[in-house]
Amino acid sequence: MPNTPAVLRADEGAVAVLTLNRPAARNSLSRVMIAALQETLDGIAADDAIRCLIITAEGPAFSAGHDLKEITAHRADPDGGRGFFAETMQACAAVMQSVVTLPQPVIAAVEGVATAAGCQLAASCDLVVAAEGAKFCTPGVDIGLFCTTPGVALARAVPRKAAMEMLLLGEMIPAAEAHRMGLVNRVVPRGQALEEALALARRVAARSAVALRMGKRGFNQQSALPLAEAYAAAGTVMVENLLAGDAAEGIGAFLGKRTPEWRHR
């Protein structure tokens, strides 16, 4: 449906809900979908009124990954598709990194299947809520296309051997198993993933925006560093956070046994 937006955005107070809106195509990450995701994420990143983001999807699939029909069509290009393939991987990588570096925490609400780059998108989020019927998979090995780029997000979300098992076998992982592995934070009854994600997002959004932004940035920065460097980087963020007005207000409220009044600065 060319006139229907590929991505929908709905704001509920300080929570933004981003919905993948190509159910007939199983919300595959076509170039149009990737571009719409990037544009929407850029808008949310610049929106100081938003303190948490949820990514969800219409239809029975969260996302089936890259659009293989689109990829196949470009094999007829003069270069055999090399240019299109490279541009697609770069654009998709940029979207995944935008999710990770977004100032606001991001929660995936997954109903149905999240496969290949769709699994990559869920793994890139800070939290994942999955319905009991949800499944996760990196099945590229079955079609001769190893899920190398999804593996980047997967390796940062679950232990190495669990990631390699998913990548080497390409099997569907039920929500309960994904929870055991650490890919999923919470498993809820079918049809309730978005409701639970909204409840979590509202709790997150009730906090100081400056603390959330500094905290997410600091966590991502230190987690990629050796121990001593991680403490140095985290300490710098803590000092910056302590100097913020909301930290003074929060500490004062705690000591005064009252509810803090966040100014989000």
Protein backbone atom coordinates (compact mmCIF):
# COMPACT_ATOMS: atom_id res chain seq x y z
CA MET A 1 0.00 0.00 0.00
CA PRO A 2 2.18 2.84 -1.33
CA ASN A 3 0.14 5.62 0.30
CA THR A 4 0.21 4.02 3.74
CA PRO A 5 3.15 5.08 5.95
CA ALA A 6 5.68 2.28 6.46
CA VAL A 7 6.15 3.42 10.05
CA LEU A 8 3.56 4.95 12.36
CA ARG A 9 4.33 7.12 15.36
CA ALA A 10 1.91 7.74 18.21
CA ASP A 11 2.85 9.66 21.36
CA GLU A 12 1.28 8.85 24.71
CA GLY A 13 2.57 11.54 27.00
CA ALA A 14 6.32 11.11 27.33
CA VAL A 15 6.22 7.70 25.58
CA ALA A 16 6.47 7.37 21.80
CA VAL A 17 5.19 4.22 20.10
CA LEU A 18 6.74 3.40 16.73
CA THR A 19 4.83 0.77 14.74
CA LEU A 20 6.17 -1.13 11.73
CA ASN A 21 3.24 -0.92 9.33
CA ARG A 22 3.78 -3.37 6.47
CA PRO A 23 1.94 -6.46 7.81
CA ALA A 24 1.31 -7.90 4.33
CA ALA A 25 5.08 -7.97 3.79
CA ARG A 26 5.65 -9.28 7.32
CA ASN A 27 7.19 -5.90 8.14
CA SER A 28 10.30 -6.76 6.15
CA LEU A 29 13.07 -4.20 6.27
CA SER A 30 12.83 -2.93 2.71
CA ARG A 31 14.72 0.21 1.79
CA VAL A 32 11.49 2.17 2.22
CA MET A 33 10.98 0.70 5.69
CA ILE A 34 14.61 1.35 6.67
CA ALA A 35 14.38 4.98 5.49
CA ALA A 36 11.10 5.49 7.38
CA LEU A 37 12.62 4.00 10.52
CA GLN A 38 15.65 6.25 10.28
CA GLU A 39 13.54 9.38 9.77
CA THR A 40 11.26 8.53 12.69
CA LEU A 41 14.17 7.68 15.02
CA ASP A 42 15.90 10.94 14.12
CA GLY A 43 12.73 12.85 15.00
CA ILE A 44 12.37 11.08 18.35
CA ALA A 45 16.05 11.64 19.21
CA ALA A 46 15.53 15.39 18.81
CA ASP A 47 12.27 15.44 20.79
CA ASP A 48 13.00 16.43 24.39
CA ALA A 49 9.39 15.70 25.37
CA ILE A 50 9.87 11.97 24.75
CA ARG A 51 11.56 9.97 27.51
CA CYS A 52 10.99 6.41 26.29
CA LEU A 53 10.32 4.70 22.94
CA ILE A 54 8.48 1.47 22.13
CA ILE A 55 8.98 -0.35 18.83
CA THR A 56 6.17 -2.71 17.86
CA ALA A 57 4.50 -3.97 14.69
CA GLU A 58 1.20 -4.56 12.94
CA GLY A 59 0.22 -8.08 11.94
CA PRO A 60 1.45 -11.57 12.79
CA ALA A 61 5.16 -10.80 12.42
CA PHE A 62 7.33 -8.29 14.26
CA SER A 63 9.69 -8.31 11.28
CA ALA A 64 10.87 -10.97 8.85
CA GLY A 65 14.16 -9.18 8.20
CA HIS A 66 15.43 -7.88 4.87
CA ASP A 67 13.11 -7.88 1.88
CA LEU A 68 14.49 -10.84 -0.09
CA LYS A 69 12.33 -10.07 -3.15
CA GLU A 70 13.82 -6.59 -3.29
CA ILE A 71 17.33 -7.99 -2.90
CA THR A 72 16.76 -10.60 -5.60
CA ALA A 73 15.44 -8.00 -8.06
CA HIS A 74 18.74 -6.11 -7.86
CA ARG A 75 20.76 -9.12 -8.98
CA ALA A 76 19.84 -7.89 -12.46
CA ASP A 77 21.80 -4.65 -11.89
CA PRO A 78 24.92 -4.19 -14.03
CA ASP A 79 27.12 -4.87 -10.99
CA GLY A 80 25.10 -7.92 -9.95
CA GLY A 81 23.58 -5.97 -7.06
CA ARG A 82 26.82 -5.18 -5.22
CA GLY A 83 26.10 -1.45 -4.94
CA PHE A 84 22.52 -1.94 -3.78
CA PHE A 85 23.51 -4.65 -1.33
CA ALA A 86 26.25 -2.44 0.19
CA GLU A 87 23.93 0.57 0.48
CA THR A 88 21.24 -1.60 2.09
CA MET A 89 23.62 -3.03 4.70
CA GLN A 90 24.95 0.45 5.48
CA ALA A 91 21.46 1.92 5.84
CA CYS A 92 20.31 -0.96 8.03
CA ALA A 93 23.42 -0.72 10.22
CA ALA A 94 22.77 3.01 10.65
CA VAL A 95 19.22 2.31 11.85
CA MET A 96 20.38 -0.33 14.34
CA GLN A 97 23.03 2.02 15.70
CA SER A 98 20.43 4.79 15.95
CA VAL A 99 18.35 2.52 18.19
CA VAL A 100 21.36 1.82 20.41
CA THR A 101 22.51 5.45 20.58
CA LEU A 102 19.04 6.98 20.81
CA PRO A 103 19.04 9.25 23.88
CA GLN A 104 15.85 7.63 25.14
CA PRO A 105 15.58 4.00 26.32
CA VAL A 106 13.97 1.74 23.69
CA ILE A 107 11.62 -1.19 24.39
CA ALA A 108 10.68 -3.76 21.75
CA ALA A 109 7.16 -5.22 22.05
CA VAL A 110 7.27 -8.46 20.06
CA GLU A 111 4.26 -10.48 18.95
CA GLY A 112 4.83 -13.20 16.37
CA VAL A 113 8.21 -13.82 14.77
CA ALA A 114 11.34 -11.66 14.71
CA THR A 115 13.71 -13.20 12.20
CA ALA A 116 17.08 -12.24 10.71
CA ALA A 117 17.30 -8.42 10.67
CA GLY A 118 13.98 -8.38 12.56
CA CYS A 119 15.68 -10.29 15.37
CA GLN A 120 18.57 -7.83 15.00
CA LEU A 121 16.19 -4.93 15.56
CA ALA A 122 14.74 -6.48 18.72
CA ALA A 123 18.22 -7.34 20.02
CA SER A 124 19.33 -3.74 19.45
CA CYS A 125 16.65 -2.42 21.82
CA ASP A 126 17.40 -1.81 25.49
CA LEU A 127 14.53 -4.02 26.69
CA VAL A 128 12.39 -6.67 24.97
CA VAL A 129 8.89 -7.72 25.98
CA ALA A 130 7.70 -10.82 24.10
CA ALA A 131 4.33 -12.51 23.92
CA GLU A 132 4.21 -16.25 24.66
CA GLY A 133 3.80 -17.03 20.98
CA ALA A 134 6.74 -14.90 19.86
CA LYS A 135 9.76 -16.56 18.29
CA PHE A 136 13.24 -15.34 17.42
CA CYS A 137 15.46 -16.67 14.69
CA THR A 138 18.54 -15.92 12.57
CA PRO A 139 17.83 -18.36 9.71
CA GLY A 140 20.15 -17.03 7.05
CA VAL A 141 22.29 -20.15 7.18
CA ASP A 142 19.33 -22.08 5.73
CA ILE A 143 19.38 -20.03 2.51
CA GLY A 144 23.13 -19.66 2.13
CA LEU A 145 23.21 -16.16 3.60
CA PHE A 146 24.74 -16.25 7.08
CA CYS A 147 23.14 -13.67 9.42
CA THR A 148 26.42 -11.83 9.94
CA THR A 149 25.00 -8.35 10.58
CA PRO A 150 22.20 -9.61 12.86
CA GLY A 151 24.99 -11.41 14.71
CA VAL A 152 26.47 -8.05 15.72
CA ALA A 153 23.39 -7.17 17.79
CA LEU A 154 22.86 -10.74 18.93
CA ALA A 155 26.41 -11.09 20.25
CA ARG A 156 25.87 -7.98 22.36
CA ALA A 157 22.58 -9.24 23.78
CA VAL A 158 23.27 -12.89 24.68
CA PRO A 159 26.30 -15.02 25.60
CA ARG A 160 28.63 -15.89 22.72
CA LYS A 161 27.80 -19.60 22.55
CA ALA A 162 24.05 -18.92 22.59
CA ALA A 163 24.48 -16.41 19.76
CA MET A 164 26.56 -18.85 17.72
CA GLU A 165 23.99 -21.62 18.23
CA MET A 166 21.26 -19.35 16.86
CA LEU A 167 23.44 -18.29 13.94
CA LEU A 168 24.72 -21.78 13.06
CA LEU A 169 21.43 -23.66 13.38
CA GLY A 170 18.94 -21.01 12.28
CA GLU A 171 16.24 -22.54 14.49
CA MET A 172 13.22 -20.75 15.89
CA ILE A 173 13.71 -19.84 19.55
CA PRO A 174 10.46 -19.65 21.59
CA ALA A 175 9.95 -16.63 23.82
CA ALA A 176 10.58 -18.62 27.01
CA GLU A 177 13.95 -19.84 25.70
CA ALA A 178 14.84 -16.34 24.50
CA HIS A 179 14.07 -15.15 28.03
CA ARG A 180 16.37 -17.79 29.51
CA MET A 181 19.15 -16.72 27.14
CA GLY A 182 18.77 -13.06 28.07
CA LEU A 183 17.46 -11.85 24.71
CA VAL A 184 14.03 -11.13 26.25
CA ASN A 185 13.31 -9.35 29.54
CA ARG A 186 9.69 -10.39 30.06
CA VAL A 187 7.29 -12.93 28.58
CA VAL A 188 3.58 -12.12 28.72
CA PRO A 189 0.37 -13.75 27.40
CA ARG A 190 -0.39 -13.44 23.69
CA GLY A 191 -1.66 -10.04 22.68
CA GLN A 192 -0.26 -8.28 25.76
CA ALA A 193 3.28 -7.41 24.66
CA LEU A 194 2.44 -3.80 23.82
CA GLU A 195 0.38 -3.35 26.99
CA GLU A 196 3.27 -4.59 29.14
CA ALA A 197 5.77 -2.51 27.19
CA LEU A 198 3.63 0.58 27.75
CA ALA A 199 3.49 -0.12 31.48
CA LEU A 200 7.28 -0.41 31.59
CA ALA A 201 7.75 2.66 29.40
CA ARG A 202 5.54 4.79 31.63
CA ARG A 203 7.59 3.75 34.66
CA VAL A 204 10.79 4.66 32.83
CA ALA A 205 9.36 7.94 31.55
CA ALA A 206 8.44 8.99 35.10
CA ARG A 207 12.15 9.41 35.81
CA SER A 208 14.37 12.39 35.11
CA ALA A 209 15.04 12.76 31.38
CA VAL A 210 18.57 13.99 32.04
CA ALA A 211 19.34 10.94 34.20
CA LEU A 212 17.92 8.58 31.58
CA ARG A 213 19.90 10.13 28.74
CA MET A 214 23.16 10.26 30.68
CA GLY A 215 22.58 6.78 32.08
CA LYS A 216 21.97 5.11 28.73
CA ARG A 217 24.90 6.88 27.11
CA GLY A 218 27.19 6.03 30.01
CA PHE A 219 26.12 2.38 30.10
CA ASN A 220 26.78 1.87 26.40
CA GLN A 221 30.12 3.65 26.61
CA GLN A 222 31.50 1.75 29.59
CA SER A 223 30.26 -1.67 28.50
CA ALA A 224 32.64 -1.64 25.52
CA LEU A 225 35.72 -0.73 27.60
CA PRO A 226 38.23 -2.64 29.74
CA LEU A 227 37.51 -2.51 33.49
CA ALA A 228 39.72 0.42 34.51
CA GLU A 229 38.67 2.51 31.50
CA ALA A 230 35.04 1.61 32.12
CA TYR A 231 35.20 2.93 35.68
CA ALA A 232 36.92 6.11 34.50
CA ALA A 233 34.27 6.71 31.85
CA ALA A 234 31.41 5.88 34.23
CA GLY A 235 32.89 8.15 36.90
CA THR A 236 32.96 11.03 34.44
CA VAL A 237 29.29 10.49 33.65
CA MET A 238 28.44 10.30 37.36
CA VAL A 239 30.13 13.66 37.99
CA GLU A 240 28.25 15.19 35.05
CA ASN A 241 25.01 13.71 36.37
CA LEU A 242 25.65 14.97 39.92
CA LEU A 243 26.01 18.50 38.58
CA ALA A 244 22.60 18.35 36.90
CA GLY A 245 19.68 20.09 38.53
CA ASP A 246 17.57 16.94 38.65
CA ALA A 247 20.22 15.11 40.69
CA ALA A 248 20.23 17.92 43.24
CA GLU A 249 16.44 17.81 43.32
CA GLY A 250 16.28 14.01 43.54
CA ILE A 251 18.83 13.75 46.35
CA GLY A 252 17.18 16.61 48.20
CA ALA A 253 13.78 14.97 47.85
CA PHE A 254 15.15 11.66 49.12
CA LEU A 255 16.74 13.30 52.15
CA GLY A 256 13.64 15.39 52.76
CA LYS A 257 11.36 12.35 52.35
CA ARG A 258 9.27 13.94 49.60
CA THR A 259 8.48 13.25 45.95
CA PRO A 260 10.97 14.84 43.53
CA GLU A 261 9.79 17.40 41.00
CA TRP A 262 11.80 16.75 37.85
CA ARG A 263 12.74 19.66 35.63
CA HIS A 264 14.50 17.35 33.17
CA ARG A 265 17.72 19.32 33.16
